[in-house]
């Protein structure tokens, strides 16, 4: 079953999540966490939507970083209600905050933009 708890994240991501929370508060942006960790079964179920099961496509991968506890999803709140309208400027501000902290933000992706999604940027391995 999917989790919304930051405790489900890997330690490095948990620290970045904590910093993200503080910066969002500082910016005065209201939001909630909609997902942290998912099981492979949860991811497979999401992947099936709009393909082999009814509904809209909500993910483009079976290998989500949520499975490893390296990602979290959010939703902006406007007047206490969920705001999925990505033209709302708070989405862009949230993305800027996440990127400033070193997170990969799905809203900056060139293909399959995913505005609610923030993931851990793994250190690049340099082979010698």
N, C-alpha and C. Protein backbone atom coordinates (compact mmCIF):
# COMPACT_ATOMS: atom_id res chain seq x y z
N UNK A 1 0.83 -1.18 0.00
CA UNK A 1 0.00 0.00 0.00
C UNK A 1 0.89 1.26 0.00
N UNK A 2 0.47 2.25 -0.73
CA UNK A 2 1.24 3.50 -0.84
C UNK A 2 1.24 4.25 0.50
N UNK A 3 2.31 5.00 0.71
CA UNK A 3 2.48 5.76 1.93
C UNK A 3 2.54 7.26 1.63
N UNK A 4 2.15 8.05 2.60
CA UNK A 4 2.33 9.50 2.54
C UNK A 4 3.34 9.97 3.58
N UNK A 5 3.87 9.03 4.33
CA UNK A 5 4.77 9.37 5.42
C UNK A 5 6.19 9.64 4.93
N UNK A 6 6.78 10.75 5.36
CA UNK A 6 8.18 10.99 5.01
C UNK A 6 9.12 9.96 5.63
N UNK A 7 8.67 9.26 6.65
CA UNK A 7 9.50 8.22 7.28
C UNK A 7 9.73 7.05 6.33
N UNK A 8 8.91 6.94 5.28
CA UNK A 8 9.05 5.87 4.30
C UNK A 8 10.15 6.17 3.28
N UNK A 9 10.66 7.40 3.30
CA UNK A 9 11.71 7.80 2.36
C UNK A 9 13.08 7.36 2.86
N UNK A 10 14.02 7.20 1.93
CA UNK A 10 15.40 6.90 2.34
C UNK A 10 15.94 8.11 3.13
N UNK A 11 16.92 7.92 4.00
CA UNK A 11 17.39 9.02 4.85
C UNK A 11 17.79 10.29 4.09
N UNK A 12 18.48 10.15 2.97
CA UNK A 12 18.90 11.34 2.21
C UNK A 12 17.68 12.11 1.70
N UNK A 13 16.68 11.37 1.24
CA UNK A 13 15.47 12.01 0.71
C UNK A 13 14.64 12.60 1.85
N UNK A 14 14.65 11.93 2.98
CA UNK A 14 13.91 12.44 4.15
C UNK A 14 14.45 13.81 4.55
N UNK A 15 15.76 13.98 4.52
CA UNK A 15 16.37 15.27 4.85
C UNK A 15 15.98 16.33 3.82
N UNK A 16 16.00 15.98 2.56
CA UNK A 16 15.60 16.93 1.51
C UNK A 16 14.12 17.29 1.63
N UNK A 17 13.30 16.31 1.99
CA UNK A 17 11.87 16.55 2.19
C UNK A 17 11.67 17.55 3.33
N UNK A 18 12.42 17.36 4.40
CA UNK A 18 12.34 18.27 5.56
C UNK A 18 12.69 19.71 5.13
N UNK A 19 13.75 19.84 4.35
CA UNK A 19 14.16 21.16 3.85
C UNK A 19 13.10 21.73 2.91
N UNK A 20 12.51 20.87 2.07
CA UNK A 20 11.45 21.29 1.15
C UNK A 20 10.27 21.84 1.96
N UNK A 21 9.87 21.14 3.01
CA UNK A 21 8.76 21.60 3.86
C UNK A 21 9.06 23.00 4.42
N UNK A 22 10.25 23.19 4.94
CA UNK A 22 10.63 24.48 5.53
C UNK A 22 10.59 25.59 4.49
N UNK A 23 11.11 25.32 3.29
CA UNK A 23 11.13 26.34 2.23
C UNK A 23 9.73 26.65 1.72
N UNK A 24 8.88 25.64 1.63
CA UNK A 24 7.49 25.87 1.20
C UNK A 24 6.77 26.72 2.23
N UNK A 25 7.01 26.44 3.52
CA UNK A 25 6.41 27.26 4.58
C UNK A 25 6.89 28.70 4.47
N UNK A 26 8.20 28.87 4.27
CA UNK A 26 8.79 30.20 4.14
C UNK A 26 8.17 30.96 2.97
N UNK A 27 7.88 30.25 1.89
CA UNK A 27 7.30 30.87 0.69
C UNK A 27 5.79 31.08 0.83
N UNK A 28 5.20 30.56 1.90
CA UNK A 28 3.76 30.73 2.12
C UNK A 28 2.89 29.90 1.19
N UNK A 29 3.42 28.77 0.73
CA UNK A 29 2.67 27.91 -0.19
C UNK A 29 2.01 26.78 0.59
N UNK A 30 0.70 26.67 0.45
CA UNK A 30 -0.05 25.59 1.09
C UNK A 30 -0.02 24.37 0.18
N UNK A 31 0.22 23.20 0.77
CA UNK A 31 0.33 21.98 -0.02
C UNK A 31 0.19 20.78 0.89
N UNK A 32 0.02 19.62 0.28
CA UNK A 32 0.00 18.35 1.01
C UNK A 32 0.88 17.34 0.27
N UNK A 33 1.33 16.34 0.98
CA UNK A 33 2.03 15.22 0.38
C UNK A 33 0.98 14.20 -0.02
N UNK A 34 1.02 13.77 -1.27
CA UNK A 34 0.04 12.77 -1.73
C UNK A 34 0.63 11.37 -1.78
N UNK A 35 1.97 11.26 -1.88
CA UNK A 35 2.59 9.94 -1.91
C UNK A 35 4.08 10.05 -1.62
N UNK A 36 4.58 9.10 -0.86
CA UNK A 36 6.03 8.96 -0.70
C UNK A 36 6.42 7.61 -1.32
N UNK A 37 6.31 6.55 -0.57
CA UNK A 37 6.73 5.23 -1.06
C UNK A 37 5.53 4.44 -1.57
N UNK A 38 5.78 3.67 -2.63
CA UNK A 38 4.79 2.75 -3.19
C UNK A 38 5.40 1.36 -3.30
N UNK A 39 4.55 0.36 -3.25
CA UNK A 39 5.01 -0.99 -3.54
C UNK A 39 5.03 -1.17 -5.06
N UNK A 40 5.68 -2.22 -5.51
CA UNK A 40 5.67 -2.52 -6.94
C UNK A 40 4.24 -2.80 -7.39
N UNK A 41 3.45 -3.47 -6.55
CA UNK A 41 2.05 -3.76 -6.89
C UNK A 41 1.26 -2.46 -7.08
N UNK A 42 1.49 -1.48 -6.20
CA UNK A 42 0.83 -0.16 -6.34
C UNK A 42 1.21 0.48 -7.67
N UNK A 43 2.51 0.42 -8.00
CA UNK A 43 2.98 1.03 -9.24
C UNK A 43 2.39 0.33 -10.45
N UNK A 44 2.34 -0.99 -10.41
CA UNK A 44 1.75 -1.75 -11.51
C UNK A 44 0.28 -1.39 -11.70
N UNK A 45 -0.42 -1.20 -10.59
CA UNK A 45 -1.84 -0.81 -10.65
C UNK A 45 -1.98 0.57 -11.31
N UNK A 46 -1.15 1.52 -10.91
CA UNK A 46 -1.18 2.85 -11.53
C UNK A 46 -0.85 2.77 -13.02
N UNK A 47 0.13 1.96 -13.36
CA UNK A 47 0.55 1.82 -14.75
C UNK A 47 -0.58 1.24 -15.61
N UNK A 48 -1.38 0.36 -15.04
CA UNK A 48 -2.47 -0.27 -15.79
C UNK A 48 -3.59 0.72 -16.14
N UNK A 49 -3.74 1.79 -15.35
CA UNK A 49 -4.80 2.78 -15.62
C UNK A 49 -4.61 3.40 -16.99
N UNK A 50 -5.69 3.38 -17.75
CA UNK A 50 -5.65 3.95 -19.10
C UNK A 50 -5.03 3.00 -20.11
N UNK A 51 -4.60 1.85 -19.65
CA UNK A 51 -4.04 0.85 -20.55
C UNK A 51 -4.93 -0.39 -20.48
N UNK A 52 -4.67 -1.27 -19.54
CA UNK A 52 -5.49 -2.48 -19.42
C UNK A 52 -6.66 -2.30 -18.45
N UNK A 53 -6.70 -1.16 -17.76
CA UNK A 53 -7.80 -0.87 -16.83
C UNK A 53 -8.39 0.49 -17.18
N UNK A 54 -9.64 0.74 -16.79
CA UNK A 54 -10.26 2.03 -17.11
C UNK A 54 -9.56 3.19 -16.39
N UNK A 55 -9.73 4.37 -16.96
CA UNK A 55 -9.19 5.58 -16.35
C UNK A 55 -8.17 6.25 -17.25
N UNK A 56 -7.65 7.37 -16.75
CA UNK A 56 -6.63 8.11 -17.48
C UNK A 56 -5.25 7.57 -17.13
N UNK A 57 -4.34 7.67 -18.07
CA UNK A 57 -2.95 7.31 -17.80
C UNK A 57 -2.41 8.29 -16.75
N UNK A 58 -1.84 7.74 -15.68
CA UNK A 58 -1.29 8.58 -14.61
C UNK A 58 0.20 8.39 -14.41
N UNK A 59 0.78 7.38 -15.05
CA UNK A 59 2.22 7.18 -14.95
C UNK A 59 2.73 6.59 -16.26
N UNK A 60 4.00 6.81 -16.51
CA UNK A 60 4.60 6.33 -17.75
C UNK A 60 5.65 5.25 -17.48
N UNK A 61 5.74 4.81 -16.24
CA UNK A 61 6.77 3.83 -15.92
C UNK A 61 6.30 2.81 -14.90
N UNK A 62 6.89 1.64 -14.97
CA UNK A 62 6.69 0.62 -13.93
C UNK A 62 7.82 0.68 -12.91
N UNK A 63 8.87 1.45 -13.21
CA UNK A 63 10.05 1.51 -12.34
C UNK A 63 10.16 2.86 -11.64
N UNK A 64 9.14 3.24 -10.95
CA UNK A 64 9.11 4.54 -10.27
C UNK A 64 10.12 4.62 -9.13
N UNK A 65 10.65 5.80 -8.92
CA UNK A 65 11.57 6.04 -7.80
C UNK A 65 10.82 5.99 -6.45
N UNK A 66 9.49 6.04 -6.50
CA UNK A 66 8.69 5.88 -5.27
C UNK A 66 8.92 4.50 -4.65
N UNK A 67 9.15 3.50 -5.49
CA UNK A 67 9.32 2.13 -5.00
C UNK A 67 10.53 2.03 -4.08
N UNK A 68 11.56 2.80 -4.36
CA UNK A 68 12.79 2.78 -3.57
C UNK A 68 12.81 3.84 -2.46
N UNK A 69 11.70 4.56 -2.29
CA UNK A 69 11.66 5.61 -1.26
C UNK A 69 12.47 6.83 -1.64
N UNK A 70 12.64 7.06 -2.94
CA UNK A 70 13.46 8.17 -3.42
C UNK A 70 12.63 9.27 -4.08
N UNK A 71 11.31 9.29 -3.83
CA UNK A 71 10.47 10.31 -4.46
C UNK A 71 9.26 10.61 -3.57
N UNK A 72 8.75 11.83 -3.74
CA UNK A 72 7.48 12.18 -3.13
C UNK A 72 6.67 13.00 -4.11
N UNK A 73 5.35 12.93 -3.97
CA UNK A 73 4.42 13.71 -4.78
C UNK A 73 3.66 14.65 -3.86
N UNK A 74 3.31 15.80 -4.42
CA UNK A 74 2.56 16.80 -3.65
C UNK A 74 1.33 17.24 -4.43
N UNK A 75 0.48 17.99 -3.77
CA UNK A 75 -0.58 18.74 -4.43
C UNK A 75 -0.65 20.11 -3.76
N UNK A 76 -0.74 21.13 -4.56
CA UNK A 76 -0.91 22.50 -4.07
C UNK A 76 -2.33 22.64 -3.53
N UNK A 77 -2.48 23.40 -2.47
CA UNK A 77 -3.80 23.72 -1.92
C UNK A 77 -4.13 25.18 -2.21
N UNK A 78 -5.33 25.42 -2.65
CA UNK A 78 -5.80 26.79 -2.87
C UNK A 78 -7.11 26.92 -2.10
N UNK A 79 -7.13 27.83 -1.13
CA UNK A 79 -8.31 28.00 -0.28
C UNK A 79 -8.72 26.68 0.37
N UNK A 80 -7.71 25.88 0.77
CA UNK A 80 -7.97 24.63 1.47
C UNK A 80 -8.38 23.47 0.58
N UNK A 81 -8.42 23.69 -0.74
CA UNK A 81 -8.85 22.63 -1.67
C UNK A 81 -7.70 22.24 -2.58
N UNK A 82 -7.72 20.97 -3.00
CA UNK A 82 -6.70 20.48 -3.92
C UNK A 82 -6.71 21.29 -5.21
N UNK A 83 -5.57 21.70 -5.66
CA UNK A 83 -5.44 22.48 -6.89
C UNK A 83 -4.49 21.74 -7.83
N UNK A 84 -5.05 21.02 -8.78
CA UNK A 84 -4.24 20.28 -9.75
C UNK A 84 -3.96 21.11 -10.99
N UNK A 85 -4.43 22.34 -11.02
CA UNK A 85 -4.22 23.24 -12.17
C UNK A 85 -2.77 23.72 -12.17
N UNK A 86 -1.94 23.12 -13.03
CA UNK A 86 -0.51 23.42 -13.02
C UNK A 86 -0.19 24.82 -13.56
N UNK A 87 -1.20 25.54 -14.05
CA UNK A 87 -0.95 26.93 -14.45
C UNK A 87 -0.94 27.85 -13.22
N UNK A 88 -1.37 27.33 -12.07
CA UNK A 88 -1.29 28.08 -10.82
C UNK A 88 0.19 28.29 -10.51
N UNK A 89 0.59 29.52 -10.26
CA UNK A 89 1.99 29.87 -10.05
C UNK A 89 2.67 29.16 -8.89
N UNK A 90 1.91 28.66 -7.93
CA UNK A 90 2.52 27.96 -6.80
C UNK A 90 3.20 26.66 -7.24
N UNK A 91 2.72 26.05 -8.32
CA UNK A 91 3.38 24.84 -8.83
C UNK A 91 4.80 25.17 -9.29
N UNK A 92 4.93 26.27 -10.02
CA UNK A 92 6.26 26.66 -10.51
C UNK A 92 7.17 27.01 -9.33
N UNK A 93 6.62 27.74 -8.35
CA UNK A 93 7.41 28.08 -7.16
C UNK A 93 7.87 26.83 -6.42
N UNK A 94 6.97 25.85 -6.28
CA UNK A 94 7.33 24.60 -5.61
C UNK A 94 8.46 23.90 -6.38
N UNK A 95 8.36 23.90 -7.70
CA UNK A 95 9.40 23.30 -8.52
C UNK A 95 10.73 24.00 -8.35
N UNK A 96 10.70 25.33 -8.29
CA UNK A 96 11.94 26.10 -8.08
C UNK A 96 12.56 25.77 -6.73
N UNK A 97 11.73 25.63 -5.72
CA UNK A 97 12.22 25.29 -4.38
C UNK A 97 12.88 23.91 -4.41
N UNK A 98 12.19 22.93 -4.99
CA UNK A 98 12.75 21.58 -5.07
C UNK A 98 14.07 21.55 -5.83
N UNK A 99 14.13 22.23 -6.95
CA UNK A 99 15.36 22.23 -7.75
C UNK A 99 16.50 22.93 -7.02
N UNK A 100 16.17 24.01 -6.30
CA UNK A 100 17.19 24.72 -5.52
C UNK A 100 17.81 23.81 -4.47
N UNK A 101 17.01 22.89 -3.95
CA UNK A 101 17.49 21.94 -2.95
C UNK A 101 18.24 20.76 -3.57
N UNK A 102 18.22 20.68 -4.90
CA UNK A 102 18.93 19.59 -5.57
C UNK A 102 18.05 18.42 -5.97
N UNK A 103 16.73 18.60 -5.87
CA UNK A 103 15.81 17.54 -6.28
C UNK A 103 15.55 17.62 -7.78
N UNK A 104 15.26 16.49 -8.39
CA UNK A 104 14.74 16.48 -9.75
C UNK A 104 13.25 16.72 -9.64
N UNK A 105 12.75 17.67 -10.42
CA UNK A 105 11.32 18.00 -10.41
C UNK A 105 10.69 17.56 -11.72
N UNK A 106 9.64 16.77 -11.62
CA UNK A 106 8.95 16.26 -12.80
C UNK A 106 8.38 17.34 -13.70
N UNK A 107 8.10 18.51 -13.17
CA UNK A 107 7.58 19.60 -13.98
C UNK A 107 8.61 20.20 -14.92
N UNK A 108 9.89 19.88 -14.70
CA UNK A 108 10.97 20.39 -15.56
C UNK A 108 11.37 19.38 -16.63
N UNK A 109 10.76 18.20 -16.59
CA UNK A 109 11.11 17.18 -17.58
C UNK A 109 10.62 17.60 -18.96
N UNK A 110 11.35 17.22 -19.98
CA UNK A 110 10.95 17.58 -21.35
C UNK A 110 9.85 16.66 -21.86
N UNK A 111 9.89 15.39 -21.47
CA UNK A 111 8.84 14.44 -21.85
C UNK A 111 8.05 14.06 -20.61
N UNK A 112 6.77 13.84 -20.79
CA UNK A 112 5.92 13.35 -19.69
C UNK A 112 6.08 14.16 -18.41
N UNK A 113 5.82 15.45 -18.50
CA UNK A 113 5.92 16.32 -17.32
C UNK A 113 5.06 15.75 -16.19
N UNK A 114 5.57 15.85 -14.97
CA UNK A 114 4.90 15.32 -13.79
C UNK A 114 5.06 16.35 -12.66
N UNK A 115 4.24 17.39 -12.70
CA UNK A 115 4.38 18.52 -11.79
C UNK A 115 4.37 18.15 -10.31
N UNK A 116 3.58 17.17 -9.87
CA UNK A 116 3.57 16.83 -8.44
C UNK A 116 4.82 16.09 -7.96
N UNK A 117 5.67 15.62 -8.85
CA UNK A 117 6.73 14.67 -8.53
C UNK A 117 8.09 15.33 -8.27
N UNK A 118 8.70 14.94 -7.14
CA UNK A 118 10.05 15.36 -6.78
C UNK A 118 10.84 14.11 -6.43
N UNK A 119 12.05 13.98 -6.97
CA UNK A 119 12.83 12.77 -6.68
C UNK A 119 14.27 13.11 -6.36
N UNK A 120 14.88 12.18 -5.65
CA UNK A 120 16.26 12.28 -5.23
C UNK A 120 17.17 12.26 -6.45
N UNK A 121 18.11 13.18 -6.48
CA UNK A 121 19.10 13.19 -7.56
C UNK A 121 20.29 12.38 -7.07
N UNK A 122 20.44 11.20 -7.64
CA UNK A 122 21.53 10.32 -7.23
C UNK A 122 22.87 10.93 -7.65
N UNK A 123 23.86 10.84 -6.79
CA UNK A 123 25.19 11.36 -7.15
C UNK A 123 25.71 10.61 -8.38
N UNK A 124 26.35 11.35 -9.25
CA UNK A 124 26.93 10.74 -10.45
C UNK A 124 28.17 9.93 -10.05
N UNK A 125 28.25 8.74 -10.59
CA UNK A 125 29.38 7.87 -10.31
C UNK A 125 30.41 8.09 -11.42
N UNK A 126 31.59 8.47 -11.02
CA UNK A 126 32.67 8.67 -11.99
C UNK A 126 33.62 7.48 -11.87
N UNK A 127 33.72 6.77 -12.98
CA UNK A 127 34.61 5.60 -12.98
C UNK A 127 36.02 6.05 -13.32
N UNK A 128 36.98 5.48 -12.62
CA UNK A 128 38.39 5.84 -12.86
C UNK A 128 39.16 4.71 -13.48
